[in-house]
Amino acid sequence: MAVTNLSSAAEAYTKALGNAVDAKGTAVGVDEVNTGPSFSELVKEAGKSAVDDGLNSETVTLQSLTGDAGLAEIVTAVSSAEITLETVVSVRDRVIQAYQDIIKMPI
């Protein structure tokens, strides 16, 4: 049977989409909604973690002055803060580079 007008074609297409169901029971062509955290939530959590590492390093350093922290704890806390800072700087540099690349794109 040939479709002769536009409205009949649209109705046939809608009916075909309604009939097309994949193994999960969702319509074909419908994107699944991701229920995970958003990008902004991930960045916020990473920033909070970086700040917490820095504060932990400072706390352990202050505890070392009073004799409450050992040398191993101090070295571990400071190296953890250093790695976190290097990561943050690296990500910042990548974001700046991406921004500059976008700005240079022709319109």
N, C-alpha and C. Protein backbone atom coordinates (compact mmCIF):
# COMPACT_ATOMS: atom_id res chain seq x y z
N MET A 1 0.84 -1.17 0.00
CA MET A 1 0.00 0.00 0.00
C MET A 1 0.89 1.23 0.00
N ALA A 2 0.73 2.10 -0.94
CA ALA A 2 1.53 3.31 -1.06
C ALA A 2 0.86 4.45 -0.31
N VAL A 3 1.69 5.26 0.35
CA VAL A 3 1.18 6.42 1.06
C VAL A 3 1.10 7.57 0.07
N THR A 4 -0.07 8.21 0.00
CA THR A 4 -0.27 9.22 -1.04
C THR A 4 -0.21 10.65 -0.54
N ASN A 5 -0.40 10.88 0.76
CA ASN A 5 -0.32 12.27 1.23
C ASN A 5 0.55 12.37 2.47
N LEU A 6 0.90 13.59 2.82
CA LEU A 6 1.83 13.85 3.90
C LEU A 6 1.28 13.45 5.26
N SER A 7 0.02 13.72 5.52
CA SER A 7 -0.55 13.38 6.83
C SER A 7 -0.61 11.87 7.03
N SER A 8 -0.89 11.13 5.97
CA SER A 8 -0.90 9.67 6.07
C SER A 8 0.49 9.14 6.36
N ALA A 9 1.51 9.76 5.75
CA ALA A 9 2.89 9.35 5.98
C ALA A 9 3.28 9.62 7.43
N ALA A 10 2.88 10.78 7.96
CA ALA A 10 3.20 11.12 9.35
C ALA A 10 2.52 10.16 10.31
N GLU A 11 1.29 9.81 10.04
CA GLU A 11 0.56 8.87 10.88
C GLU A 11 1.21 7.48 10.83
N ALA A 12 1.62 7.07 9.65
CA ALA A 12 2.26 5.76 9.51
C ALA A 12 3.58 5.72 10.26
N TYR A 13 4.33 6.82 10.18
CA TYR A 13 5.61 6.89 10.88
C TYR A 13 5.40 6.86 12.40
N THR A 14 4.43 7.60 12.88
CA THR A 14 4.13 7.61 14.31
C THR A 14 3.69 6.23 14.78
N LYS A 15 2.87 5.57 13.99
CA LYS A 15 2.42 4.23 14.34
C LYS A 15 3.57 3.25 14.35
N ALA A 16 4.50 3.37 13.39
CA ALA A 16 5.65 2.49 13.33
C ALA A 16 6.55 2.70 14.53
N LEU A 17 6.76 3.95 14.94
CA LEU A 17 7.56 4.22 16.13
C LEU A 17 6.90 3.67 17.38
N GLY A 18 5.58 3.77 17.44
CA GLY A 18 4.86 3.24 18.59
C GLY A 18 4.96 1.73 18.68
N ASN A 19 5.03 1.07 17.52
CA ASN A 19 5.13 -0.38 17.50
C ASN A 19 6.54 -0.90 17.72
N ALA A 20 7.53 -0.05 17.41
CA ALA A 20 8.92 -0.47 17.52
C ALA A 20 9.36 -0.36 18.98
N VAL A 21 9.61 -1.49 19.58
CA VAL A 21 10.03 -1.52 20.98
C VAL A 21 11.24 -2.44 21.06
N ASP A 22 12.27 -1.97 21.78
CA ASP A 22 13.45 -2.82 21.91
C ASP A 22 13.29 -3.78 23.08
N ALA A 23 14.31 -4.50 23.41
CA ALA A 23 14.26 -5.53 24.44
C ALA A 23 13.96 -4.97 25.82
N LYS A 24 14.29 -3.71 26.07
CA LYS A 24 14.06 -3.11 27.39
C LYS A 24 12.63 -2.61 27.56
N GLY A 25 11.91 -2.55 26.47
CA GLY A 25 10.55 -2.08 26.56
C GLY A 25 10.43 -0.58 26.33
N THR A 26 11.49 0.05 25.84
CA THR A 26 11.42 1.47 25.54
C THR A 26 11.32 1.65 24.04
N ALA A 27 10.75 2.76 23.62
CA ALA A 27 10.58 3.02 22.21
C ALA A 27 11.92 3.25 21.54
N VAL A 28 12.02 2.81 20.31
CA VAL A 28 13.24 3.00 19.54
C VAL A 28 13.38 4.50 19.24
N GLY A 29 14.59 5.00 19.35
CA GLY A 29 14.83 6.40 19.06
C GLY A 29 14.71 7.30 20.28
N VAL A 30 14.33 6.75 21.40
CA VAL A 30 14.21 7.54 22.63
C VAL A 30 15.47 7.32 23.45
N ASP A 31 16.16 8.39 23.75
CA ASP A 31 17.39 8.29 24.54
C ASP A 31 17.05 7.96 25.99
N GLU A 32 17.92 7.16 26.60
CA GLU A 32 17.75 6.86 28.00
C GLU A 32 18.23 8.03 28.83
N VAL A 33 17.56 8.29 29.92
CA VAL A 33 17.93 9.39 30.80
C VAL A 33 18.96 8.87 31.79
N ASN A 34 20.09 9.56 31.86
CA ASN A 34 21.14 9.20 32.79
C ASN A 34 20.78 9.76 34.16
N THR A 35 20.72 8.90 35.14
CA THR A 35 20.34 9.36 36.48
C THR A 35 21.54 9.62 37.36
N GLY A 36 22.75 9.59 36.80
CA GLY A 36 23.97 9.84 37.57
C GLY A 36 24.14 11.33 37.85
N PRO A 37 25.22 11.66 38.53
CA PRO A 37 25.46 13.07 38.86
C PRO A 37 25.78 13.88 37.61
N SER A 38 25.44 15.16 37.67
CA SER A 38 25.72 16.04 36.53
C SER A 38 27.20 16.44 36.55
N PHE A 39 27.64 17.04 35.46
CA PHE A 39 29.04 17.47 35.34
C PHE A 39 29.37 18.50 36.41
N SER A 40 28.46 19.42 36.65
CA SER A 40 28.72 20.45 37.66
C SER A 40 28.84 19.84 39.05
N GLU A 41 28.07 18.80 39.33
CA GLU A 41 28.18 18.12 40.62
C GLU A 41 29.52 17.41 40.75
N LEU A 42 30.00 16.81 39.66
CA LEU A 42 31.30 16.15 39.69
C LEU A 42 32.43 17.15 39.92
N VAL A 43 32.36 18.30 39.26
CA VAL A 43 33.39 19.34 39.43
C VAL A 43 33.34 19.89 40.85
N LYS A 44 32.14 20.09 41.35
CA LYS A 44 31.98 20.61 42.72
C LYS A 44 32.57 19.62 43.73
N GLU A 45 32.31 18.35 43.55
CA GLU A 45 32.83 17.32 44.46
C GLU A 45 34.35 17.23 44.38
N ALA A 46 34.90 17.34 43.15
CA ALA A 46 36.36 17.30 42.99
C ALA A 46 37.01 18.50 43.66
N GLY A 47 36.40 19.67 43.54
CA GLY A 47 36.92 20.86 44.20
C GLY A 47 36.88 20.74 45.70
N LYS A 48 35.78 20.20 46.21
CA LYS A 48 35.65 20.00 47.66
C LYS A 48 36.70 19.02 48.16
N SER A 49 36.95 17.97 47.39
CA SER A 49 37.97 16.99 47.75
C SER A 49 39.36 17.62 47.77
N ALA A 50 39.65 18.49 46.79
CA ALA A 50 40.95 19.16 46.75
C ALA A 50 41.14 20.07 47.95
N VAL A 51 40.11 20.80 48.32
CA VAL A 51 40.19 21.68 49.49
C VAL A 51 40.36 20.85 50.76
N ASP A 52 39.64 19.74 50.86
CA ASP A 52 39.77 18.87 52.03
C ASP A 52 41.18 18.31 52.17
N ASP A 53 41.81 17.95 51.05
CA ASP A 53 43.19 17.44 51.09
C ASP A 53 44.15 18.52 51.60
N GLY A 54 43.94 19.76 51.13
CA GLY A 54 44.79 20.86 51.60
C GLY A 54 44.61 21.13 53.08
N LEU A 55 43.36 21.12 53.54
CA LEU A 55 43.10 21.35 54.97
C LEU A 55 43.66 20.22 55.82
N ASN A 56 43.55 18.99 55.33
CA ASN A 56 44.10 17.85 56.06
C ASN A 56 45.61 17.98 56.19
N SER A 57 46.27 18.41 55.12
CA SER A 57 47.72 18.59 55.15
C SER A 57 48.11 19.66 56.18
N GLU A 58 47.37 20.75 56.20
CA GLU A 58 47.66 21.81 57.17
C GLU A 58 47.42 21.33 58.60
N THR A 59 46.36 20.56 58.80
CA THR A 59 46.05 20.05 60.13
C THR A 59 47.16 19.13 60.63
N VAL A 60 47.61 18.23 59.76
CA VAL A 60 48.67 17.31 60.16
C VAL A 60 49.97 18.08 60.42
N THR A 61 50.24 19.09 59.62
CA THR A 61 51.43 19.91 59.83
C THR A 61 51.37 20.61 61.18
N LEU A 62 50.22 21.14 61.53
CA LEU A 62 50.07 21.78 62.85
C LEU A 62 50.17 20.77 63.98
N GLN A 63 49.67 19.56 63.76
CA GLN A 63 49.78 18.51 64.78
C GLN A 63 51.24 18.11 64.98
N SER A 64 52.03 18.23 63.93
CA SER A 64 53.45 17.87 64.07
C SER A 64 54.18 18.85 64.98
N LEU A 65 53.72 20.09 65.02
CA LEU A 65 54.34 21.08 65.89
C LEU A 65 54.12 20.75 67.36
N THR A 66 52.98 20.16 67.66
CA THR A 66 52.68 19.79 69.04
C THR A 66 53.15 18.38 69.37
N GLY A 67 53.65 17.66 68.37
CA GLY A 67 54.14 16.30 68.59
C GLY A 67 53.07 15.24 68.49
N ASP A 68 51.88 15.60 67.99
CA ASP A 68 50.78 14.63 67.88
C ASP A 68 50.83 13.82 66.59
N ALA A 69 51.65 14.24 65.62
CA ALA A 69 51.71 13.53 64.34
C ALA A 69 53.15 13.09 64.08
N GLY A 70 53.28 11.91 63.53
CA GLY A 70 54.61 11.38 63.21
C GLY A 70 55.08 11.83 61.84
N LEU A 71 56.34 11.56 61.57
CA LEU A 71 56.94 11.97 60.31
C LEU A 71 56.25 11.32 59.11
N ALA A 72 55.88 10.07 59.24
CA ALA A 72 55.21 9.37 58.13
C ALA A 72 53.87 10.01 57.81
N GLU A 73 53.11 10.40 58.82
CA GLU A 73 51.81 11.05 58.60
C GLU A 73 52.00 12.40 57.91
N ILE A 74 53.04 13.13 58.32
CA ILE A 74 53.30 14.44 57.72
C ILE A 74 53.65 14.29 56.24
N VAL A 75 54.56 13.38 55.95
CA VAL A 75 54.99 13.19 54.56
C VAL A 75 53.82 12.73 53.70
N THR A 76 53.00 11.83 54.21
CA THR A 76 51.84 11.34 53.46
C THR A 76 50.85 12.46 53.18
N ALA A 77 50.55 13.26 54.18
CA ALA A 77 49.58 14.35 54.01
C ALA A 77 50.10 15.41 53.05
N VAL A 78 51.37 15.78 53.18
CA VAL A 78 51.93 16.82 52.31
C VAL A 78 52.03 16.32 50.87
N SER A 79 52.44 15.08 50.67
CA SER A 79 52.54 14.56 49.29
C SER A 79 51.16 14.41 48.67
N SER A 80 50.16 14.04 49.46
CA SER A 80 48.79 13.96 48.95
C SER A 80 48.31 15.34 48.52
N ALA A 81 48.58 16.36 49.33
CA ALA A 81 48.19 17.72 48.97
C ALA A 81 48.94 18.19 47.73
N GLU A 82 50.20 17.81 47.60
CA GLU A 82 50.99 18.21 46.44
C GLU A 82 50.43 17.58 45.16
N ILE A 83 50.09 16.31 45.20
CA ILE A 83 49.52 15.63 44.04
C ILE A 83 48.18 16.25 43.66
N THR A 84 47.37 16.57 44.67
CA THR A 84 46.08 17.20 44.41
C THR A 84 46.27 18.55 43.75
N LEU A 85 47.21 19.35 44.25
CA LEU A 85 47.47 20.66 43.67
C LEU A 85 47.97 20.54 42.23
N GLU A 86 48.85 19.59 41.96
CA GLU A 86 49.34 19.38 40.60
C GLU A 86 48.20 18.98 39.66
N THR A 87 47.28 18.17 40.16
CA THR A 87 46.12 17.77 39.35
C THR A 87 45.23 18.96 39.05
N VAL A 88 44.97 19.78 40.06
CA VAL A 88 44.12 20.96 39.87
C VAL A 88 44.76 21.91 38.87
N VAL A 89 46.06 22.13 38.98
CA VAL A 89 46.75 23.02 38.05
C VAL A 89 46.70 22.45 36.63
N SER A 90 46.87 21.15 36.49
CA SER A 90 46.82 20.51 35.18
C SER A 90 45.43 20.66 34.55
N VAL A 91 44.39 20.43 35.33
CA VAL A 91 43.02 20.57 34.82
C VAL A 91 42.76 22.03 34.44
N ARG A 92 43.22 22.97 35.27
CA ARG A 92 43.05 24.39 34.97
C ARG A 92 43.72 24.74 33.65
N ASP A 93 44.94 24.24 33.45
CA ASP A 93 45.65 24.52 32.21
C ASP A 93 44.92 23.97 31.00
N ARG A 94 44.36 22.77 31.14
CA ARG A 94 43.59 22.17 30.03
C ARG A 94 42.33 22.97 29.72
N VAL A 95 41.65 23.44 30.76
CA VAL A 95 40.43 24.24 30.56
C VAL A 95 40.78 25.55 29.85
N ILE A 96 41.87 26.19 30.27
CA ILE A 96 42.29 27.43 29.63
C ILE A 96 42.65 27.18 28.17
N GLN A 97 43.37 26.10 27.91
CA GLN A 97 43.74 25.77 26.53
C GLN A 97 42.50 25.50 25.67
N ALA A 98 41.54 24.78 26.22
CA ALA A 98 40.30 24.50 25.48
C ALA A 98 39.55 25.80 25.20
N TYR A 99 39.49 26.69 26.17
CA TYR A 99 38.82 27.98 25.98
C TYR A 99 39.51 28.77 24.87
N GLN A 100 40.85 28.80 24.89
CA GLN A 100 41.58 29.53 23.86
C GLN A 100 41.37 28.92 22.48
N ASP A 101 41.29 27.59 22.41
CA ASP A 101 41.02 26.93 21.13
C ASP A 101 39.63 27.28 20.60
N ILE A 102 38.67 27.36 21.50
CA ILE A 102 37.30 27.71 21.10
C ILE A 102 37.25 29.15 20.62
N ILE A 103 37.94 30.04 21.31
CA ILE A 103 37.95 31.45 20.92
C ILE A 103 38.58 31.63 19.53
N LYS A 104 39.58 30.82 19.20
CA LYS A 104 40.26 30.94 17.91
C LYS A 104 39.48 30.34 16.75
N MET A 105 38.41 29.60 17.04
CA MET A 105 37.64 28.97 15.96
C MET A 105 36.95 30.01 15.09
N PRO A 106 36.99 29.80 13.78
CA PRO A 106 36.27 30.75 12.91
C PRO A 106 34.76 30.52 13.01
N ILE A 107 34.05 31.58 12.83
CA ILE A 107 32.58 31.49 12.92
C ILE A 107 31.99 31.23 11.56
